[in-house]
Amino acid sequence: MPRFPPATAKSQAVSDHILHQQNGPILQITLNRPEIGNAATDEMATTISRLVGGAVESANLIVIRGAGDDFCVGRETMTGPRRSVDDTLERRRDHDTVFDCYGALRNSVVPVVGVVQGRARGFGCAIAALCDLTIASEGASFQVPEMSHNIFPTMVMSALVDRVPLKALNHLIYTTAPISADRALQIGIVSDVVPAADLEEAVEATCAAILKAPPSAIRAVKEFTSHAFHMDVAGAVDYARNLHVVVNASAEVRSRRNRKA
């Protein structure tokens, strides 16, 4: 099985706290502040947006993970002093950095695989939910603690609104209690839970399975799942019909079929 190593300190650093590495068709993005649980700054959110948005030029798959023991314990403003902002417009611009990051993941042309170990809180929980596939270690935990810090969690709610059922969302928001990886699997934040010792093998197997398909088919699945669930059934069926004709008639897919014949 091909190896897809996580980005390391030898990888190209696009900011002090984000590493990225191109492994063939896979773009690896690593949040790299392990000493504080990969707490995210606005600069990190902007960098993630830029990397995800630009991946269409060089990658067929994106893998996002955290360095060290945790995925991401949230935004730095949740774990440290908050910047005082009196101007409402400036405050909105600050928040748009995070909304734009969520939008980049939601609208990525390239599928995104999240790899979660340890804690995924706030921003980290949102990122995990927004990935197309999220593989979690069985010891991972997920939490939206904003209300306990007197913060209205609209940003995280915007990420979860089409990912989890209403009552599960309410539980996360109102109780602020952490949930297990198994519970996160039940409500749709993650797609698979594996023992910690098997996490990297599961990531490799998932990536290898995806990359067996032609790139155009991989992106067409992403396109369909990004839009079809917001359509009525008839519209989704017509959308599937059109994609089926276009993608399966492409030279790339026909060439793959002919080689297998």
Protein backbone atom coordinates (compact mmCIF):
# COMPACT_ATOMS: atom_id res chain seq x y z
CA MET A 1 0.00 0.00 0.00
CA PRO A 2 1.40 3.47 -0.85
CA ARG A 3 2.52 5.61 2.08
CA PHE A 4 1.01 9.04 2.66
CA PRO A 5 3.14 10.47 5.49
CA PRO A 6 1.86 13.43 7.49
CA ALA A 7 3.49 16.78 6.91
CA THR A 8 6.49 17.33 9.17
CA ALA A 9 8.76 20.17 10.17
CA LYS A 10 10.73 19.45 6.98
CA SER A 11 7.64 20.27 4.93
CA GLN A 12 7.13 23.70 3.45
CA ALA A 13 5.70 26.06 6.08
CA VAL A 14 3.32 28.62 4.59
CA SER A 15 3.01 30.23 8.02
CA ASP A 16 4.72 29.59 11.32
CA HIS A 17 1.91 27.31 12.40
CA ILE A 18 0.73 25.58 9.21
CA LEU A 19 2.75 22.98 7.34
CA HIS A 20 1.91 21.61 3.94
CA GLN A 21 3.40 18.85 1.83
CA GLN A 22 2.51 17.57 -1.61
CA ASN A 23 2.63 13.77 -1.67
CA GLY A 24 1.84 12.94 -5.28
CA PRO A 25 -1.87 13.72 -5.76
CA ILE A 26 -2.39 14.39 -2.03
CA LEU A 27 -1.98 17.76 -0.35
CA GLN A 28 -1.21 17.27 3.34
CA ILE A 29 -2.08 20.22 5.63
CA THR A 30 -0.95 20.08 9.26
CA LEU A 31 -1.89 22.45 12.07
CA ASN A 32 1.45 22.78 13.84
CA ARG A 33 1.11 24.19 17.35
CA PRO A 34 1.19 20.93 19.31
CA GLU A 35 2.37 22.60 22.51
CA ILE A 36 -1.02 24.35 22.85
CA GLY A 37 -3.27 21.80 21.20
CA ASN A 38 -2.99 23.42 17.74
CA ALA A 39 -5.09 26.41 18.83
CA ALA A 40 -5.80 28.32 15.61
CA THR A 41 -5.07 31.94 14.86
CA ASP A 42 -6.81 34.04 12.22
CA GLU A 43 -3.63 33.77 10.15
CA MET A 44 -3.89 29.98 10.31
CA ALA A 45 -7.52 30.10 9.17
CA THR A 46 -6.55 32.34 6.25
CA THR A 47 -3.71 29.98 5.31
CA ILE A 48 -6.00 26.96 5.37
CA SER A 49 -8.45 28.82 3.11
CA ARG A 50 -5.70 29.64 0.64
CA LEU A 51 -4.26 26.13 0.57
CA VAL A 52 -7.64 24.46 0.16
CA GLY A 53 -8.70 26.92 -2.53
CA GLY A 54 -5.47 26.43 -4.47
CA ALA A 55 -5.41 22.64 -4.22
CA VAL A 56 -7.39 22.30 -7.44
CA GLU A 57 -4.19 23.10 -9.36
CA SER A 58 -2.10 20.22 -8.02
CA ALA A 59 -4.09 17.78 -5.89
CA ASN A 60 -6.88 15.23 -6.19
CA LEU A 61 -7.23 14.90 -2.42
CA ILE A 62 -6.54 17.00 0.68
CA VAL A 63 -5.70 15.55 4.11
CA ILE A 64 -5.96 17.81 7.17
CA ARG A 65 -4.57 16.80 10.56
CA GLY A 66 -3.08 18.26 13.73
CA ALA A 67 0.47 17.75 15.00
CA GLY A 68 0.95 16.09 18.37
CA ASP A 69 -1.76 14.76 20.65
CA ASP A 70 -4.69 16.95 19.56
CA PHE A 71 -6.42 17.91 16.34
CA CYS A 72 -7.33 21.48 17.32
CA VAL A 73 -8.60 22.83 20.65
CA GLY A 74 -10.30 25.79 18.98
CA ARG A 75 -9.40 29.36 18.13
CA GLU A 76 -6.67 31.07 20.07
CA THR A 77 -9.21 33.64 21.31
CA MET A 78 -10.84 30.79 23.24
CA THR A 79 -7.61 29.81 24.99
CA GLY A 80 -5.89 33.17 25.40
CA PRO A 81 -6.56 36.91 25.75
CA ARG A 82 -9.08 38.39 23.36
CA ARG A 83 -8.30 41.37 21.18
CA SER A 84 -10.47 44.34 22.01
CA VAL A 85 -12.39 45.52 18.96
CA ASP A 86 -14.90 48.35 19.32
CA ASP A 87 -15.76 48.87 15.66
CA THR A 88 -18.58 46.57 14.53
CA LEU A 89 -17.41 46.43 10.91
CA GLU A 90 -13.87 45.56 11.97
CA ARG A 91 -15.22 42.85 14.25
CA ARG A 92 -17.21 41.39 11.35
CA ARG A 93 -14.09 41.38 9.17
CA ASP A 94 -12.25 39.48 11.90
CA HIS A 95 -15.01 36.89 12.03
CA ASP A 96 -15.18 36.63 8.24
CA THR A 97 -11.71 35.05 8.36
CA VAL A 98 -13.23 32.01 10.06
CA PHE A 99 -16.42 31.99 7.97
CA ASP A 100 -14.24 32.13 4.84
CA CYS A 101 -12.20 29.16 6.06
CA TYR A 102 -15.36 27.14 6.61
CA GLY A 103 -16.57 28.19 3.16
CA ALA A 104 -13.30 27.11 1.54
CA LEU A 105 -13.70 23.62 2.98
CA ARG A 106 -17.39 23.40 2.15
CA ASN A 107 -16.86 24.61 -1.44
CA SER A 108 -13.57 22.86 -2.18
CA VAL A 109 -13.51 21.22 -5.59
CA VAL A 110 -11.07 18.67 -4.15
CA PRO A 111 -12.37 16.19 -1.50
CA VAL A 112 -11.00 16.74 2.01
CA VAL A 113 -10.15 14.00 4.51
CA GLY A 114 -9.81 14.97 8.17
CA VAL A 115 -7.66 12.97 10.59
CA VAL A 116 -8.62 13.56 14.21
CA GLN A 117 -6.82 12.49 17.34
CA GLY A 118 -7.27 13.94 20.81
CA ARG A 119 -9.40 17.04 21.22
CA ALA A 120 -11.42 18.76 18.48
CA ARG A 121 -13.05 21.79 20.09
CA GLY A 122 -14.84 24.78 18.60
CA PHE A 123 -13.00 25.64 15.39
CA GLY A 124 -11.45 22.16 15.43
CA CYS A 125 -14.84 20.47 15.75
CA ALA A 126 -16.16 22.60 12.88
CA ILE A 127 -13.22 21.71 10.62
CA ALA A 128 -13.64 18.01 11.41
CA ALA A 129 -17.33 18.20 10.51
CA LEU A 130 -16.74 20.11 7.27
CA CYS A 131 -14.27 17.56 5.86
CA ASP A 132 -15.88 15.22 3.33
CA LEU A 133 -14.55 12.22 5.23
CA THR A 134 -13.26 12.35 8.80
CA ILE A 135 -11.40 9.46 10.38
CA ALA A 136 -11.09 9.70 14.15
CA SER A 137 -9.09 7.83 16.72
CA GLU A 138 -11.37 6.11 19.23
CA GLY A 139 -9.88 8.32 21.95
CA ALA A 140 -10.81 11.57 20.16
CA SER A 141 -13.36 13.94 21.67
CA PHE A 142 -15.48 16.70 20.16
CA GLN A 143 -16.84 19.79 21.87
CA VAL A 144 -18.39 23.20 21.23
CA PRO A 145 -17.51 25.06 24.45
CA GLU A 146 -18.28 28.62 23.33
CA MET A 147 -21.40 29.17 25.46
CA SER A 148 -19.44 28.37 28.62
CA HIS A 149 -17.12 31.25 27.65
CA ASN A 150 -20.06 33.62 27.08
CA ILE A 151 -19.60 33.48 23.30
CA PHE A 152 -22.56 33.01 20.97
CA PRO A 153 -21.29 30.12 18.76
CA THR A 154 -22.74 31.22 15.43
CA MET A 155 -19.57 30.41 13.53
CA VAL A 156 -19.43 26.78 14.65
CA MET A 157 -23.19 26.44 14.24
CA SER A 158 -22.86 27.58 10.61
CA ALA A 159 -20.40 24.74 10.01
CA LEU A 160 -22.55 22.11 11.70
CA VAL A 161 -25.97 23.19 10.42
CA ASP A 162 -26.02 20.70 7.53
CA ARG A 163 -23.79 18.13 9.19
CA VAL A 164 -25.62 17.05 12.34
CA PRO A 165 -29.29 16.63 13.33
CA LEU A 166 -30.98 19.50 15.16
CA LYS A 167 -31.18 17.85 18.57
CA ALA A 168 -27.54 16.81 18.38
CA LEU A 169 -26.59 20.38 17.49
CA ASN A 170 -28.62 21.70 20.41
CA HIS A 171 -26.93 19.24 22.76
CA LEU A 172 -23.46 20.34 21.66
CA ILE A 173 -24.29 24.04 21.88
CA TYR A 174 -26.35 24.21 25.07
CA THR A 175 -24.54 21.68 27.24
CA THR A 176 -21.02 22.51 25.96
CA ALA A 177 -20.15 18.94 26.99
CA PRO A 178 -17.55 16.93 25.06
CA ILE A 179 -18.76 13.89 23.16
CA SER A 180 -16.86 10.73 22.27
CA ALA A 181 -15.68 9.73 18.82
CA ASP A 182 -18.36 7.04 18.71
CA ARG A 183 -21.07 9.60 19.46
CA ALA A 184 -19.57 11.94 16.83
CA LEU A 185 -19.85 9.07 14.36
CA GLN A 186 -23.52 8.56 15.23
CA ILE A 187 -24.43 12.20 14.61
CA GLY A 188 -22.35 12.70 11.47
CA ILE A 189 -19.32 14.72 12.56
CA VAL A 190 -16.99 11.85 11.63
CA SER A 191 -17.25 9.04 9.10
CA ASP A 192 -15.14 6.36 10.76
CA VAL A 193 -13.63 5.59 14.18
CA VAL A 194 -10.60 3.33 14.55
CA PRO A 195 -8.18 2.36 17.33
CA ALA A 196 -5.37 4.88 17.77
CA ALA A 197 -2.80 2.32 16.65
CA ASP A 198 -4.68 1.84 13.37
CA LEU A 199 -5.33 5.52 12.56
CA GLU A 200 -2.56 6.05 10.00
CA GLU A 201 -3.26 2.73 8.29
CA ALA A 202 -6.94 3.68 8.01
CA VAL A 203 -6.02 7.05 6.51
CA GLU A 204 -3.72 5.42 3.97
CA ALA A 205 -6.35 2.85 3.00
CA THR A 206 -9.03 5.53 2.60
CA CYS A 207 -6.80 7.73 0.45
CA ALA A 208 -5.72 4.80 -1.69
CA ALA A 209 -9.34 3.74 -2.24
CA ILE A 210 -10.37 7.24 -3.32
CA LEU A 211 -7.41 7.69 -5.66
CA LYS A 212 -8.18 4.48 -7.57
CA ALA A 213 -10.91 6.44 -9.37
CA PRO A 214 -10.25 8.91 -12.21
CA PRO A 215 -9.74 12.48 -10.93
CA SER A 216 -12.79 13.71 -12.84
CA ALA A 217 -14.97 11.10 -11.11
CA ILE A 218 -13.53 12.00 -7.69
CA ARG A 219 -14.37 15.66 -8.23
CA ALA A 220 -17.80 14.85 -9.64
CA VAL A 221 -18.70 12.96 -6.45
CA LYS A 222 -17.59 16.00 -4.45
CA GLU A 223 -19.65 18.28 -6.70
CA PHE A 224 -22.77 16.15 -6.40
CA THR A 225 -22.63 15.70 -2.63
CA SER A 226 -21.94 19.42 -2.16
CA HIS A 227 -25.15 20.42 -3.91
CA ALA A 228 -27.61 17.54 -4.23
CA PHE A 229 -28.57 17.36 -0.56
CA HIS A 230 -29.86 20.94 -0.77
CA MET A 231 -32.08 20.18 -3.78
CA ASP A 232 -35.48 18.57 -4.03
CA VAL A 233 -35.37 14.94 -5.09
CA ALA A 234 -36.31 15.56 -8.72
CA GLY A 235 -33.59 18.20 -9.07
CA ALA A 236 -31.00 15.94 -7.46
CA VAL A 237 -31.89 13.10 -9.82
CA ASP A 238 -31.57 15.37 -12.87
CA TYR A 239 -28.25 16.64 -11.54
CA ALA A 240 -27.03 13.05 -11.15
CA ARG A 241 -28.20 12.21 -14.66
CA ASN A 242 -26.28 15.11 -16.19
CA LEU A 243 -23.09 14.39 -14.23
CA HIS A 244 -23.35 10.72 -15.17
CA VAL A 245 -23.39 11.50 -18.87
CA VAL A 246 -20.66 14.15 -18.76
CA VAL A 247 -18.17 12.33 -16.54
CA ASN A 248 -18.61 8.81 -17.92
CA ALA A 249 -18.30 10.12 -21.47
CA SER A 250 -15.05 11.97 -20.73
CA ALA A 251 -11.85 10.80 -22.42
CA GLU A 252 -10.21 10.24 -19.03
CA VAL A 253 -12.86 7.84 -17.77
CA ARG A 254 -13.25 6.04 -21.11
CA SER A 255 -9.47 5.56 -21.24
CA ARG A 256 -9.50 4.00 -17.77
CA ARG A 257 -12.32 1.64 -18.74
CA ASN A 258 -10.56 0.61 -21.94
CA ARG A 259 -7.35 -0.22 -20.06
CA LYS A 260 -9.30 -2.50 -17.74
CA ALA A 261 -11.15 -4.21 -20.56
